[in-house]
Amino acid sequence: MPDENRQDGERVLLRQMRRTSLFEGATLVALVCIAVPLKHVAGDPMLTSIMGPIHGIAFLIYMWTVIHVVSAGGWRKAEIARLVAAAFVPFGAFLTMRLLKRKAAALEGRAGLS
């Protein structure tokens, strides 16, 4: 039973990681691909002054989630580096979805063996 509870907790953490990754990635794309070009092309900094803090909060939540998820164990250093690096690359968060899905599938596979 304790192993089942741990796997349930890991599932919840992976779902949370996927959601925060998508949120952080979407705010980064909006900032880099929409707000910053509008600031420089149209000379209107209003959108960057709105999106900048929103993305900053999303980034902090994402990093907290990465630390929380990784501290649960079972992550290789390369996977951790990939999660962190994805936060700095536009569309990087969307590319990590495959990694998170593989982790979830591996977790399901372990649950099937129990």
PDB file of N, CA and C in Angstrom:
ATOM      1  N   MET A   1       0.804  -1.204   0.000  1.00  0.00           N
ATOM      2  CA  MET A   1       0.000   0.000   0.000  1.00  0.00           C
ATOM      3  C   MET A   1       0.850   1.274   0.000  1.00  0.00           C
ATOM      4  N   PRO A   2       1.941   1.346   0.783  1.00  0.00           N
ATOM      5  CA  PRO A   2       2.751   2.566   0.752  1.00  0.00           C
ATOM      6  C   PRO A   2       3.342   2.838  -0.628  1.00  0.00           C
ATOM      7  N   ASP A   3       3.702   1.766  -1.359  1.00  0.00           N
ATOM      8  CA  ASP A   3       4.240   1.941  -2.705  1.00  0.00           C
ATOM      9  C   ASP A   3       3.173   2.505  -3.641  1.00  0.00           C
ATOM     10  N   GLU A   4       1.925   2.079  -3.444  1.00  0.00           N
ATOM     11  CA  GLU A   4       0.813   2.597  -4.238  1.00  0.00           C
ATOM     12  C   GLU A   4       0.609   4.086  -3.984  1.00  0.00           C
ATOM     13  N   ASN A   5       0.684   4.488  -2.723  1.00  0.00           N
ATOM     14  CA  ASN A   5       0.530   5.906  -2.381  1.00  0.00           C
ATOM     15  C   ASN A   5       1.651   6.745  -2.989  1.00  0.00           C
ATOM     16  N   ARG A   6       2.856   6.198  -2.988  1.00  0.00           N
ATOM     17  CA  ARG A   6       3.990   6.915  -3.571  1.00  0.00           C
ATOM     18  C   ARG A   6       3.777   7.092  -5.071  1.00  0.00           C
ATOM     19  N   GLN A   7       3.317   6.042  -5.760  1.00  0.00           N
ATOM     20  CA  GLN A   7       3.077   6.143  -7.195  1.00  0.00           C
ATOM     21  C   GLN A   7       1.955   7.128  -7.500  1.00  0.00           C
ATOM     22  N   ASP A   8       0.928   7.156  -6.664  1.00  0.00           N
ATOM     23  CA  ASP A   8      -0.132   8.151  -6.847  1.00  0.00           C
ATOM     24  C   ASP A   8       0.430   9.558  -6.703  1.00  0.00           C
ATOM     25  N   GLY A   9       1.295   9.751  -5.720  1.00  0.00           N
ATOM     26  CA  GLY A   9       1.930  11.049  -5.524  1.00  0.00           C
ATOM     27  C   GLY A   9       2.793  11.440  -6.712  1.00  0.00           C
ATOM     28  N   GLU A  10       3.520  10.476  -7.267  1.00  0.00           N
ATOM     29  CA  GLU A  10       4.352  10.752  -8.441  1.00  0.00           C
ATOM     30  C   GLU A  10       3.492  11.111  -9.648  1.00  0.00           C
ATOM     31  N   ARG A  11       2.351  10.440  -9.805  1.00  0.00           N
ATOM     32  CA  ARG A  11       1.431  10.766 -10.909  1.00  0.00           C
ATOM     33  C   ARG A  11       0.938  12.208 -10.783  1.00  0.00           C
ATOM     34  N   VAL A  12       0.576  12.586  -9.574  1.00  0.00           N
ATOM     35  CA  VAL A  12       0.093  13.946  -9.330  1.00  0.00           C
ATOM     36  C   VAL A  12       1.196  14.950  -9.655  1.00  0.00           C
ATOM     37  N   LEU A  13       2.423  14.658  -9.219  1.00  0.00           N
ATOM     38  CA  LEU A  13       3.540  15.562  -9.497  1.00  0.00           C
ATOM     39  C   LEU A  13       3.806  15.689 -10.993  1.00  0.00           C
ATOM     40  N   LEU A  14       3.729  14.585 -11.728  1.00  0.00           N
ATOM     41  CA  LEU A  14       3.953  14.649 -13.171  1.00  0.00           C
ATOM     42  C   LEU A  14       2.856  15.458 -13.873  1.00  0.00           C
ATOM     43  N   ARG A  15       1.620  15.299 -13.431  1.00  0.00           N
ATOM     44  CA  ARG A  15       0.527  16.107 -14.006  1.00  0.00           C
ATOM     45  C   ARG A  15       0.763  17.587 -13.722  1.00  0.00           C
ATOM     46  N   GLN A  16       1.158  17.886 -12.491  1.00  0.00           N
ATOM     47  CA  GLN A  16       1.438  19.267 -12.112  1.00  0.00           C
ATOM     48  C   GLN A  16       2.604  19.817 -12.939  1.00  0.00           C
ATOM     49  N   MET A  17       3.617  18.989 -13.162  1.00  0.00           N
ATOM     50  CA  MET A  17       4.767  19.405 -13.956  1.00  0.00           C
ATOM     51  C   MET A  17       4.359  19.718 -15.387  1.00  0.00           C
ATOM     52  N   ARG A  18       3.504  18.894 -15.957  1.00  0.00           N
ATOM     53  CA  ARG A  18       3.041  19.142 -17.328  1.00  0.00           C
ATOM     54  C   ARG A  18       2.263  20.454 -17.418  1.00  0.00           C
ATOM     55  N   ARG A  19       1.384  20.679 -16.458  1.00  0.00           N
ATOM     56  CA  ARG A  19       0.589  21.915 -16.481  1.00  0.00           C
ATOM     57  C   ARG A  19       1.462  23.154 -16.330  1.00  0.00           C
ATOM     58  N   THR A  20       2.369  23.132 -15.367  1.00  0.00           N
ATOM     59  CA  THR A  20       3.213  24.306 -15.166  1.00  0.00           C
ATOM     60  C   THR A  20       4.177  24.502 -16.331  1.00  0.00           C
ATOM     61  N   SER A  21       4.616  23.417 -16.944  1.00  0.00           N
ATOM     62  CA  SER A  21       5.492  23.515 -18.102  1.00  0.00           C
ATOM     63  C   SER A  21       4.767  24.191 -19.262  1.00  0.00           C
ATOM     64  N   LEU A  22       3.543  23.790 -19.496  1.00  0.00           N
ATOM     65  CA  LEU A  22       2.759  24.403 -20.568  1.00  0.00           C
ATOM     66  C   LEU A  22       2.488  25.878 -20.297  1.00  0.00           C
ATOM     67  N   PHE A  23       2.175  26.210 -19.049  1.00  0.00           N
ATOM     68  CA  PHE A  23       1.905  27.603 -18.681  1.00  0.00           C
ATOM     69  C   PHE A  23       3.162  28.454 -18.860  1.00  0.00           C
ATOM     70  N   GLU A  24       4.282  27.968 -18.351  1.00  0.00           N
ATOM     71  CA  GLU A  24       5.541  28.712 -18.470  1.00  0.00           C
ATOM     72  C   GLU A  24       5.936  28.852 -19.934  1.00  0.00           C
ATOM     73  N   GLY A  25       5.796  27.782 -20.695  1.00  0.00           N
ATOM     74  CA  GLY A  25       6.140  27.824 -22.112  1.00  0.00           C
ATOM     75  C   GLY A  25       5.264  28.783 -22.898  1.00  0.00           C
ATOM     76  N   ALA A  26       3.985  28.792 -22.600  1.00  0.00           N
ATOM     77  CA  ALA A  26       3.059  29.687 -23.298  1.00  0.00           C
ATOM     78  C   ALA A  26       3.372  31.150 -22.986  1.00  0.00           C
ATOM     79  N   THR A  27       3.693  31.446 -21.729  1.00  0.00           N
ATOM     80  CA  THR A  27       4.020  32.833 -21.387  1.00  0.00           C
ATOM     81  C   THR A  27       5.337  33.267 -22.019  1.00  0.00           C
ATOM     82  N   LEU A  28       6.302  32.348 -22.109  1.00  0.00           N
ATOM     83  CA  LEU A  28       7.574  32.689 -22.753  1.00  0.00           C
ATOM     84  C   LEU A  28       7.370  32.952 -24.240  1.00  0.00           C
ATOM     85  N   VAL A  29       6.603  32.115 -24.896  1.00  0.00           N
ATOM     86  CA  VAL A  29       6.329  32.310 -26.328  1.00  0.00           C
ATOM     87  C   VAL A  29       5.583  33.629 -26.548  1.00  0.00           C
ATOM     88  N   ALA A  30       4.602  33.913 -25.716  1.00  0.00           N
ATOM     89  CA  ALA A  30       3.857  35.166 -25.850  1.00  0.00           C
ATOM     90  C   ALA A  30       4.775  36.369 -25.649  1.00  0.00           C
ATOM     91  N   LEU A  31       5.664  36.267 -24.678  1.00  0.00           N
ATOM     92  CA  LEU A  31       6.583  37.366 -24.410  1.00  0.00           C
ATOM     93  C   LEU A  31       7.571  37.564 -25.564  1.00  0.00           C
ATOM     94  N   VAL A  32       8.204  36.479 -25.986  1.00  0.00           N
ATOM     95  CA  VAL A  32       9.274  36.574 -26.990  1.00  0.00           C
ATOM     96  C   VAL A  32       8.733  36.781 -28.406  1.00  0.00           C
ATOM     97  N   CYS A  33       7.635  36.138 -28.725  1.00  0.00           N
ATOM     98  CA  CYS A  33       7.134  36.171 -30.107  1.00  0.00           C
ATOM     99  C   CYS A  33       6.078  37.241 -30.365  1.00  0.00           C
ATOM    100  N   ILE A  34       5.472  37.776 -29.322  1.00  0.00           N
ATOM    101  CA  ILE A  34       4.422  38.777 -29.523  1.00  0.00           C
ATOM    102  C   ILE A  34       4.784  40.102 -28.862  1.00  0.00           C
ATOM    103  N   ALA A  35       5.002  40.064 -27.536  1.00  0.00           N
ATOM    104  CA  ALA A  35       5.186  41.302 -26.787  1.00  0.00           C
ATOM    105  C   ALA A  35       6.470  42.048 -27.163  1.00  0.00           C
ATOM    106  N   VAL A  36       7.590  41.348 -27.218  1.00  0.00           N
ATOM    107  CA  VAL A  36       8.866  42.012 -27.526  1.00  0.00           C
ATOM    108  C   VAL A  36       8.880  42.557 -28.955  1.00  0.00           C
ATOM    109  N   PRO A  37       8.433  41.779 -29.952  1.00  0.00           N
ATOM    110  CA  PRO A  37       8.393  42.381 -31.298  1.00  0.00           C
ATOM    111  C   PRO A  37       7.485  43.611 -31.384  1.00  0.00           C
ATOM    112  N   LEU A  38       6.341  43.577 -30.698  1.00  0.00           N
ATOM    113  CA  LEU A  38       5.462  44.754 -30.700  1.00  0.00           C
ATOM    114  C   LEU A  38       6.148  45.950 -30.055  1.00  0.00           C
ATOM    115  N   LYS A  39       6.914  45.687 -29.019  1.00  0.00           N
ATOM    116  CA  LYS A  39       7.634  46.772 -28.355  1.00  0.00           C
ATOM    117  C   LYS A  39       8.631  47.422 -29.308  1.00  0.00           C
ATOM    118  N   HIS A  40       9.355  46.599 -30.056  1.00  0.00           N
ATOM    119  CA  HIS A  40      10.402  47.146 -30.922  1.00  0.00           C
ATOM    120  C   HIS A  40       9.883  47.627 -32.270  1.00  0.00           C
ATOM    121  N   VAL A  41       8.877  46.978 -32.820  1.00  0.00           N
ATOM    122  CA  VAL A  41       8.358  47.374 -34.132  1.00  0.00           C
ATOM    123  C   VAL A  41       7.360  48.525 -34.013  1.00  0.00           C
ATOM    124  N   ALA A  42       6.425  48.379 -33.076  1.00  0.00           N
ATOM    125  CA  ALA A  42       5.382  49.395 -32.935  1.00  0.00           C
ATOM    126  C   ALA A  42       5.733  50.452 -31.898  1.00  0.00           C
ATOM    127  N   GLY A  43       6.791  50.217 -31.148  1.00  0.00           N
ATOM    128  CA  GLY A  43       7.182  51.188 -30.126  1.00  0.00           C
ATOM    129  C   GLY A  43       6.230  51.226 -28.950  1.00  0.00           C
ATOM    130  N   ASP A  44       5.522  50.116 -28.727  1.00  0.00           N
ATOM    131  CA  ASP A  44       4.542  50.062 -27.638  1.00  0.00           C
ATOM    132  C   ASP A  44       5.002  49.063 -26.571  1.00  0.00           C
ATOM    133  N   PRO A  45       5.540  49.559 -25.459  1.00  0.00           N
ATOM    134  CA  PRO A  45       6.055  48.662 -24.424  1.00  0.00           C
ATOM    135  C   PRO A  45       4.983  48.133 -23.457  1.00  0.00           C
ATOM    136  N   MET A  46       3.723  48.499 -23.683  1.00  0.00           N
ATOM    137  CA  MET A  46       2.682  48.112 -22.734  1.00  0.00           C
ATOM    138  C   MET A  46       2.571  46.594 -22.566  1.00  0.00           C
ATOM    139  N   LEU A  47       2.581  45.862 -23.677  1.00  0.00           N
ATOM    140  CA  LEU A  47       2.403  44.410 -23.586  1.00  0.00           C
ATOM    141  C   LEU A  47       3.570  43.740 -22.861  1.00  0.00           C
ATOM    142  N   THR A  48       4.789  44.245 -23.073  1.00  0.00           N
ATOM    143  CA  THR A  48       5.922  43.650 -22.351  1.00  0.00           C
ATOM    144  C   THR A  48       5.836  43.955 -20.862  1.00  0.00           C
ATOM    145  N   SER A  49       5.294  45.116 -20.512  1.00  0.00           N
ATOM    146  CA  SER A  49       5.170  45.433 -19.083  1.00  0.00           C
ATOM    147  C   SER A  49       4.104  44.573 -18.407  1.00  0.00           C
ATOM    148  N   ILE A  50       3.216  44.002 -19.205  1.00  0.00           N
ATOM    149  CA  ILE A  50       2.205  43.082 -18.662  1.00  0.00           C
ATOM    150  C   ILE A  50       2.725  41.646 -18.687  1.00  0.00           C
ATOM    151  N   MET A  51       3.232  41.230 -19.847  1.00  0.00           N
ATOM    152  CA  MET A  51       3.680  39.832 -20.011  1.00  0.00           C
ATOM    153  C   MET A  51       4.956  39.522 -19.241  1.00  0.00           C
ATOM    154  N   GLY A  52       5.829  40.513 -19.068  1.00  0.00           N
ATOM    155  CA  GLY A  52       7.085  40.284 -18.356  1.00  0.00           C
ATOM    156  C   GLY A  52       6.870  39.735 -16.943  1.00  0.00           C
ATOM    157  N   PRO A  53       6.092  40.438 -16.122  1.00  0.00           N
ATOM    158  CA  PRO A  53       5.841  39.928 -14.768  1.00  0.00           C
ATOM    159  C   PRO A  53       5.045  38.614 -14.742  1.00  0.00           C
ATOM    160  N   ILE A  54       4.120  38.464 -15.677  1.00  0.00           N
ATOM    161  CA  ILE A  54       3.353  37.208 -15.732  1.00  0.00           C
ATOM    162  C   ILE A  54       4.298  36.051 -16.025  1.00  0.00           C
ATOM    163  N   HIS A  55       5.179  36.243 -17.000  1.00  0.00           N
ATOM    164  CA  HIS A  55       6.144  35.190 -17.308  1.00  0.00           C
ATOM    165  C   HIS A  55       7.114  34.979 -16.139  1.00  0.00           C
ATOM    166  N   GLY A  56       7.513  36.038 -15.478  1.00  0.00           N
ATOM    167  CA  GLY A  56       8.405  35.906 -14.321  1.00  0.00           C
ATOM    168  C   GLY A  56       7.803  35.030 -13.241  1.00  0.00           C
ATOM    169  N   ILE A  57       6.541  35.229 -12.954  1.00  0.00           N
ATOM    170  CA  ILE A  57       5.850  34.401 -11.957  1.00  0.00           C
ATOM    171  C   ILE A  57       5.729  32.968 -12.464  1.00  0.00           C
ATOM    172  N   ALA A  58       5.388  32.811 -13.743  1.00  0.00           N
ATOM    173  CA  ALA A  58       5.272  31.465 -14.322  1.00  0.00           C
ATOM    174  C   ALA A  58       6.612  30.736 -14.251  1.00  0.00           C
ATOM    175  N   PHE A  59       7.701  31.458 -14.510  1.00  0.00           N
ATOM    176  CA  PHE A  59       9.038  30.872 -14.450  1.00  0.00           C
ATOM    177  C   PHE A  59       9.359  30.402 -13.028  1.00  0.00           C
ATOM    178  N   LEU A  60       9.060  31.227 -12.040  1.00  0.00           N
ATOM    179  CA  LEU A  60       9.322  30.847 -10.646  1.00  0.00           C
ATOM    180  C   LEU A  60       8.493  29.631 -10.229  1.00  0.00           C
ATOM    181  N   ILE A  61       7.237  29.603 -10.641  1.00  0.00           N
ATOM    182  CA  ILE A  61       6.388  28.450 -10.332  1.00  0.00           C
ATOM    183  C   ILE A  61       6.941  27.200 -11.007  1.00  0.00           C
ATOM    184  N   TYR A  62       7.363  27.339 -12.248  1.00  0.00           N
ATOM    185  CA  TYR A  62       7.936  26.206 -12.989  1.00  0.00           C
ATOM    186  C   TYR A  62       9.178  25.679 -12.288  1.00  0.00           C
ATOM    187  N   MET A  63      10.090  26.564 -11.918  1.00  0.00           N
ATOM    188  CA  MET A  63      11.325  26.126 -11.259  1.00  0.00           C
ATOM    189  C   MET A  63      11.035  25.477  -9.905  1.00  0.00           C
ATOM    190  N   TRP A  64      10.084  26.019  -9.166  1.00  0.00           N
ATOM    191  CA  TRP A  64       9.697  25.403  -7.896  1.00  0.00           C
ATOM    192  C   TRP A  64       9.143  24.009  -8.155  1.00  0.00           C
ATOM    193  N   THR A  65       8.343  23.878  -9.201  1.00  0.00           N
ATOM    194  CA  THR A  65       7.769  22.577  -9.537  1.00  0.00           C
ATOM    195  C   THR A  65       8.854  21.594  -9.954  1.00  0.00           C
ATOM    196  N   VAL A  66       9.823  22.049 -10.739  1.00  0.00           N
ATOM    197  CA  VAL A  66      10.938  21.172 -11.130  1.00  0.00           C
ATOM    198  C   VAL A  66      11.658  20.661  -9.882  1.00  0.00           C
ATOM    199  N   ILE A  67      11.972  21.555  -8.966  1.00  0.00           N
ATOM    200  CA  ILE A  67      12.658  21.152  -7.731  1.00  0.00           C
ATOM    201  C   ILE A  67      11.811  20.156  -6.951  1.00  0.00           C
ATOM    202  N   HIS A  68      10.536  20.422  -6.857  1.00  0.00           N
ATOM    203  CA  HIS A  68       9.622  19.552  -6.109  1.00  0.00           C
ATOM    204  C   HIS A  68       9.531  18.164  -6.751  1.00  0.00           C
ATOM    205  N   VAL A  69       9.385  18.130  -8.065  1.00  0.00           N
ATOM    206  CA  VAL A  69       9.244  16.861  -8.784  1.00  0.00           C
ATOM    207  C   VAL A  69      10.541  16.064  -8.733  1.00  0.00           C
ATOM    208  N   VAL A  70      11.651  16.729  -8.965  1.00  0.00           N
ATOM    209  CA  VAL A  70      12.947  16.054  -8.997  1.00  0.00           C
ATOM    210  C   VAL A  70      13.321  15.522  -7.607  1.00  0.00           C
ATOM    211  N   SER A  71      12.937  16.227  -6.578  1.00  0.00           N
ATOM    212  CA  SER A  71      13.262  15.778  -5.219  1.00  0.00           C
ATOM    213  C   SER A  71      12.543  14.485  -4.856  1.00  0.00           C
ATOM    214  N   ALA A  72      11.500  14.140  -5.610  1.00  0.00           N
ATOM    215  CA  ALA A  72      10.797  12.874  -5.366  1.00  0.00           C
ATOM    216  C   ALA A  72      11.638  11.686  -5.802  1.00  0.00           C
ATOM    217  N   GLY A  73      12.666  11.956  -6.631  1.00  0.00           N
ATOM    218  CA  GLY A  73      13.592  10.895  -7.041  1.00  0.00           C
ATOM    219  C   GLY A  73      13.274  10.310  -8.395  1.00  0.00           C
ATOM    220  N   GLY A  74      14.228   9.522  -8.906  1.00  0.00           N
ATOM    221  CA  GLY A  74      14.035   8.815 -10.166  1.00  0.00           C
ATOM    222  C   GLY A  74      14.352   9.626 -11.404  1.00  0.00           C
ATOM    223  N   TRP A  75      15.064  10.734 -11.261  1.00  0.00           N
ATOM    224  CA  TRP A  75      15.397  11.576 -12.410  1.00  0.00           C
ATOM    225  C   TRP A  75      16.902  11.559 -12.624  1.00  0.00           C
ATOM    226  N   ARG A  76      17.315  11.356 -13.873  1.00  0.00           N
ATOM    227  CA  ARG A  76      18.734  11.428 -14.221  1.00  0.00           C
ATOM    228  C   ARG A  76      19.149  12.892 -14.347  1.00  0.00           C
ATOM    229  N   LYS A  77      20.437  13.127 -14.210  1.00  0.00           N
ATOM    230  CA  LYS A  77      20.951  14.500 -14.302  1.00  0.00           C
ATOM    231  C   LYS A  77      20.630  15.127 -15.654  1.00  0.00           C
ATOM    232  N   ALA A  78      20.720  14.349 -16.716  1.00  0.00           N
ATOM    233  CA  ALA A  78      20.423  14.875 -18.056  1.00  0.00           C
ATOM    234  C   ALA A  78      18.953  15.286 -18.175  1.00  0.00           C
ATOM    235  N   GLU A  79      18.073  14.538 -17.552  1.00  0.00           N
ATOM    236  CA  GLU A  79      16.645  14.890 -17.586  1.00  0.00           C
ATOM    237  C   GLU A  79      16.390  16.175 -16.809  1.00  0.00           C
ATOM    238  N   ILE A  80      17.053  16.316 -15.682  1.00  0.00           N
ATOM    239  CA  ILE A  80      16.902  17.531 -14.876  1.00  0.00           C
ATOM    240  C   ILE A  80      17.422  18.732 -15.655  1.00  0.00           C
ATOM    241  N   ALA A  81      18.585  18.564 -16.278  1.00  0.00           N
ATOM    242  CA  ALA A  81      19.155  19.652 -17.083  1.00  0.00           C
ATOM    243  C   ALA A  81      18.215  20.024 -18.221  1.00  0.00           C
ATOM    244  N   ARG A  82      17.588  19.033 -18.814  1.00  0.00           N
ATOM    245  CA  ARG A  82      16.649  19.294 -19.915  1.00  0.00           C
ATOM    246  C   ARG A  82      15.447  20.098 -19.430  1.00  0.00           C
ATOM    247  N   LEU A  83      14.919  19.747 -18.259  1.00  0.00           N
ATOM    248  CA  LEU A  83      13.781  20.486 -17.710  1.00  0.00           C
ATOM    249  C   LEU A  83      14.150  21.937 -17.432  1.00  0.00           C
ATOM    250  N   VAL A  84      15.326  22.159 -16.879  1.00  0.00           N
ATOM    251  CA  VAL A  84      15.756  23.521 -16.569  1.00  0.00           C
ATOM    252  C   VAL A  84      16.030  24.301 -17.851  1.00  0.00           C
ATOM    253  N   ALA A  85      16.738  23.695 -18.783  1.00  0.00           N
ATOM    254  CA  ALA A  85      17.071  24.382 -20.040  1.00  0.00           C
ATOM    255  C   ALA A  85      15.821  24.735 -20.838  1.00  0.00           C
ATOM    256  N   ALA A  86      14.806  23.906 -20.755  1.00  0.00           N
ATOM    257  CA  ALA A  86      13.574  24.152 -21.511  1.00  0.00           C
ATOM    258  C   ALA A  86      12.912  25.465 -21.121  1.00  0.00           C
ATOM    259  N   ALA A  87      13.144  25.913 -19.895  1.00  0.00           N
ATOM    260  CA  ALA A  87      12.533  27.158 -19.428  1.00  0.00           C
ATOM    261  C   ALA A  87      13.139  28.386 -20.098  1.00  0.00           C
ATOM    262  N   PHE A  88      14.308  28.222 -20.716  1.00  0.00           N
ATOM    263  CA  PHE A  88      14.998  29.359 -21.315  1.00  0.00           C
ATOM    264  C   PHE A  88      14.880  29.398 -22.837  1.00  0.00           C
ATOM    265  N   VAL A  89      14.254  28.383 -23.416  1.00  0.00           N
ATOM    266  CA  VAL A  89      14.156  28.272 -24.871  1.00  0.00           C
ATOM    267  C   VAL A  89      12.686  28.356 -25.276  1.00  0.00           C
ATOM    268  N   PRO A  90      12.345  29.317 -26.158  1.00  0.00           N
ATOM    269  CA  PRO A  90      10.956  29.345 -26.619  1.00  0.00           C
ATOM    270  C   PRO A  90      10.573  27.997 -27.245  1.00  0.00           C
ATOM    271  N   PHE A  91       9.426  27.528 -26.928  1.00  0.00           N
ATOM    272  CA  PHE A  91       8.884  26.236 -27.346  1.00  0.00           C
ATOM    273  C   PHE A  91       9.578  25.055 -26.666  1.00  0.00           C
ATOM    274  N   GLY A  92      10.569  25.298 -25.835  1.00  0.00           N
ATOM    275  CA  GLY A  92      11.276  24.228 -25.131  1.00  0.00           C
ATOM    276  C   GLY A  92      10.368  23.466 -24.183  1.00  0.00           C
ATOM    277  N   ALA A  93       9.473  24.176 -23.541  1.00  0.00           N
ATOM    278  CA  ALA A  93       8.556  23.524 -22.605  1.00  0.00           C
ATOM    279  C   ALA A  93       7.665  22.513 -23.320  1.00  0.00           C
ATOM    280  N   PHE A  94       7.321  22.810 -24.556  1.00  0.00           N
ATOM    281  CA  PHE A  94       6.461  21.900 -25.297  1.00  0.00           C
ATOM    282  C   PHE A  94       7.213  20.638 -25.712  1.00  0.00           C
ATOM    283  N   LEU A  95       8.519  20.789 -25.908  1.00  0.00           N
ATOM    284  CA  LEU A  95       9.341  19.630 -26.262  1.00  0.00           C
ATOM    285  C   LEU A  95       9.552  18.695 -25.068  1.00  0.00           C
ATOM    286  N   THR A  96       9.447  19.219 -23.870  1.00  0.00           N
ATOM    287  CA  THR A  96       9.610  18.366 -22.688  1.00  0.00           C
ATOM    288  C   THR A  96       8.391  17.495 -22.428  1.00  0.00           C
ATOM    289  N   MET A  97       7.320  17.748 -23.136  1.00  0.00           N
ATOM    290  CA  MET A  97       6.114  16.937 -22.939  1.00  0.00           C
ATOM    291  C   MET A  97       6.395  15.460 -23.214  1.00  0.00           C
ATOM    292  N   ARG A  98       7.236  15.176 -24.205  1.00  0.00           N
ATOM    293  CA  ARG A  98       7.571  13.768 -24.493  1.00  0.00           C
ATOM    294  C   ARG A  98       8.289  13.131 -23.308  1.00  0.00           C
ATOM    295  N   LEU A  99       9.231  13.853 -22.727  1.00  0.00           N
ATOM    296  CA  LEU A  99       9.951  13.346 -21.565  1.00  0.00           C
ATOM    297  C   LEU A  99       8.984  13.069 -20.422  1.00  0.00           C
ATOM    298  N   LEU A 100       8.092  13.997 -20.174  1.00  0.00           N
ATOM    299  CA  LEU A 100       7.132  13.825 -19.078  1.00  0.00           C
ATOM    300  C   LEU A 100       6.160  12.678 -19.364  1.00  0.00           C
ATOM    301  N   LYS A 101       5.778  12.507 -20.616  1.00  0.00           N
ATOM    302  CA  LYS A 101       4.896  11.382 -20.972  1.00  0.00           C
ATOM    303  C   LYS A 101       5.620  10.052 -20.806  1.00  0.00           C
ATOM    304  N   ARG A 102       6.914  10.008 -21.175  1.00  0.00           N
ATOM    305  CA  ARG A 102       7.699   8.779 -20.969  1.00  0.00           C
ATOM    306  C   ARG A 102       7.817   8.462 -19.486  1.00  0.00           C
ATOM    307  N   LYS A 103       8.035   9.473 -18.674  1.00  0.00           N
ATOM    308  CA  LYS A 103       8.124   9.256 -17.222  1.00  0.00           C
ATOM    309  C   LYS A 103       6.790   8.713 -16.694  1.00  0.00           C
ATOM    310  N   ALA A 104       5.693   9.261 -17.168  1.00  0.00           N
ATOM    311  CA  ALA A 104       4.381   8.797 -16.737  1.00  0.00           C
ATOM    312  C   ALA A 104       4.136   7.369 -17.193  1.00  0.00           C
ATOM    313  N   ALA A 105       4.545   7.042 -18.415  1.00  0.00           N
ATOM    314  CA  ALA A 105       4.366   5.677 -18.928  1.00  0.00           C
ATOM    315  C   ALA A 105       5.216   4.694 -18.129  1.00  0.00           C
ATOM    316  N   ALA A 106       6.435   5.091 -17.776  1.00  0.00           N
ATOM    317  CA  ALA A 106       7.295   4.228 -16.964  1.00  0.00           C
ATOM    318  C   ALA A 106       6.677   3.999 -15.592  1.00  0.00           C
ATOM    319  N   LEU A 107       6.066   5.033 -15.059  1.00  0.00           N
ATOM    320  CA  LEU A 107       5.393   4.922 -13.763  1.00  0.00           C
ATOM    321  C   LEU A 107       4.213   3.968 -13.861  1.00  0.00           C
ATOM    322  N   GLU A 108       3.462   4.069 -14.951  1.00  0.00           N
ATOM    323  CA  GLU A 108       2.339   3.147 -15.154  1.00  0.00           C
ATOM    324  C   GLU A 108       2.824   1.725 -15.317  1.00  0.00           C
ATOM    325  N   GLY A 109       3.964   1.556 -16.012  1.00  0.00           N
ATOM    326  CA  GLY A 109       4.541   0.232 -16.193  1.00  0.00           C
ATOM    327  C   GLY A 109       4.946  -0.389 -14.862  1.00  0.00           C
ATOM    328  N   ARG A 110       5.508   0.416 -13.979  1.00  0.00           N
ATOM    329  CA  ARG A 110       5.864  -0.082 -12.646  1.00  0.00           C
ATOM    330  C   ARG A 110       4.627  -0.440 -11.853  1.00  0.00           C
ATOM    331  N   ALA A 111       3.563   0.355 -12.044  1.00  0.00           N
ATOM    332  CA  ALA A 111       2.327   0.064 -11.314  1.00  0.00           C
ATOM    333  C   ALA A 111       1.733  -1.244 -11.797  1.00  0.00           C
ATOM    334  N   GLY A 112       1.878  -1.527 -13.088  1.00  0.00           N
ATOM    335  CA  GLY A 112       1.353  -2.784 -13.640  1.00  0.00           C
ATOM    336  C   GLY A 112       2.107  -3.996 -13.139  1.00  0.00           C
ATOM    337  N   LEU A 113       3.366  -3.819 -12.777  1.00  0.00           N
ATOM    338  CA  LEU A 113       4.174  -4.925 -12.275  1.00  0.00           C
ATOM    339  C   LEU A 113       3.889  -5.221 -10.806  1.00  0.00           C
ATOM    340  N   SER A 114       3.351  -4.247 -10.104  1.00  0.00           N
ATOM    341  CA  SER A 114       3.103  -4.444  -8.658  1.00  0.00           C
ATOM    342  C   SER A 114       1.932  -5.350  -8.399  1.00  0.00           C
TER     343      SER A 114
END
